[in-house]
Amino acid sequence: MHLAARLYYVEGLGQDEVAKFVKVSQAKVSRLLAMARERGIVRITVADYEPRDRELETRLRVQLGLSTAIVIRAAENLPAADLRKTIGLFAAGVFESLIETKSIIALGGGRTIHALVENVRESRSTAPTIVQSMGSVDSNINTFDAQEIGRVLSQRLGGNFVAMNTPAYVHEKKMRDALLDLEQIRTVNNYFDRAHLAVIGIGALDNSVFTERRVLKENEIEALRAAGAVGEACGRYFNAAGKECDTPWRDCVMSIELSQLAKIPQVIGVVTGNDRAPSIMAAIKGGFLKGIIIDEPSARTLLNYSAQSTKTKSTKKKK
């Protein structure tokens, strides 16, 4: 066992070569190496890796006025799915540290939030109340929808889950108002008003769960565009100043209000992708986005966009 471990790990021989030296089969070599690790004959160490870019985090906090900024290192041009996995793997521990015992968390949906929650460790110490921040997008419930993510997170943390059992979007204001008047929905809204933390996604007009799943019709997209929509959070579309767009869509959404988000002490946007910079900046201006978990390339894009926007404003003032 010692000889096989030495030849394989120190001398760099392949398992077939080790088998010749030790005079056993290659399958036996594999078992010997596994036993060597189990018994402590082989102890593998890896030099510490810092997954976060602390310098970019400081710049985001200072330049954008964020209370929390978590930037996860990632290679340029990484496929979207791999980027989300990277965020989930390395940011989950930080996310866990934001959760206080018996706190109330308003939780949004999305693939990146799903990747984050998938990596949260099981623990019964915090026992938070997880509240679904938006109704169901459609009848096809996916693993990355808020109700599924919330159920998983509450199980892992030993808490309870409060669902918003309505569609995210109804077709008329009268129906929306009737749903809001239900005791069950009033209870959900009461939780929103008492929340300590919100975790949300930030979408763009042309890149959100509503466009992806074809909930938004062409005329509704055009109405939002005409109203100046640049971003979406929990089904609510807002303009460059971070104000919710005044369109019929606004009166038909079942979700946490932007004004409610603004009152929550910690509102963290979990974001990947270079196309979200205008949306993120608008959400910060609107006062309802106070922190961010983001990948390194997207963080650089966001900082460049912010600097360019500041430069453009300065030029206009001089004129």
Foldseek 3Di string as FASTA:
>chain_A
DLQLCCCCVPVPDDLCVSCVVVVHDSVVSVVVNVVCVVVVVDDDDDPDDDQWDVVLQVCCCVLLVFPAETAGEDDPPDPPLVQLLSLQQPCLVVVVVLQAAQFEEAEFFDSSLLSNLVNHAAEQGRQYEYEDFFEAQDPDDDCRGSVNSQVSNNRRHVYYYQYLHDHQFDDALVVVVVSCPDPSNVVSQVSLLRGQEYEKAKAFLCGDPCNVVVVDDPVNSVLLVVQAFGIDIRQFTDHLQLHTRPDRRVSTGGGHDLVSLLPHNAYEYEDEDQSCLSRVSNNSSNNNHRYYRYYDVNSVSNSVVSVVVVVVVVVVVVD
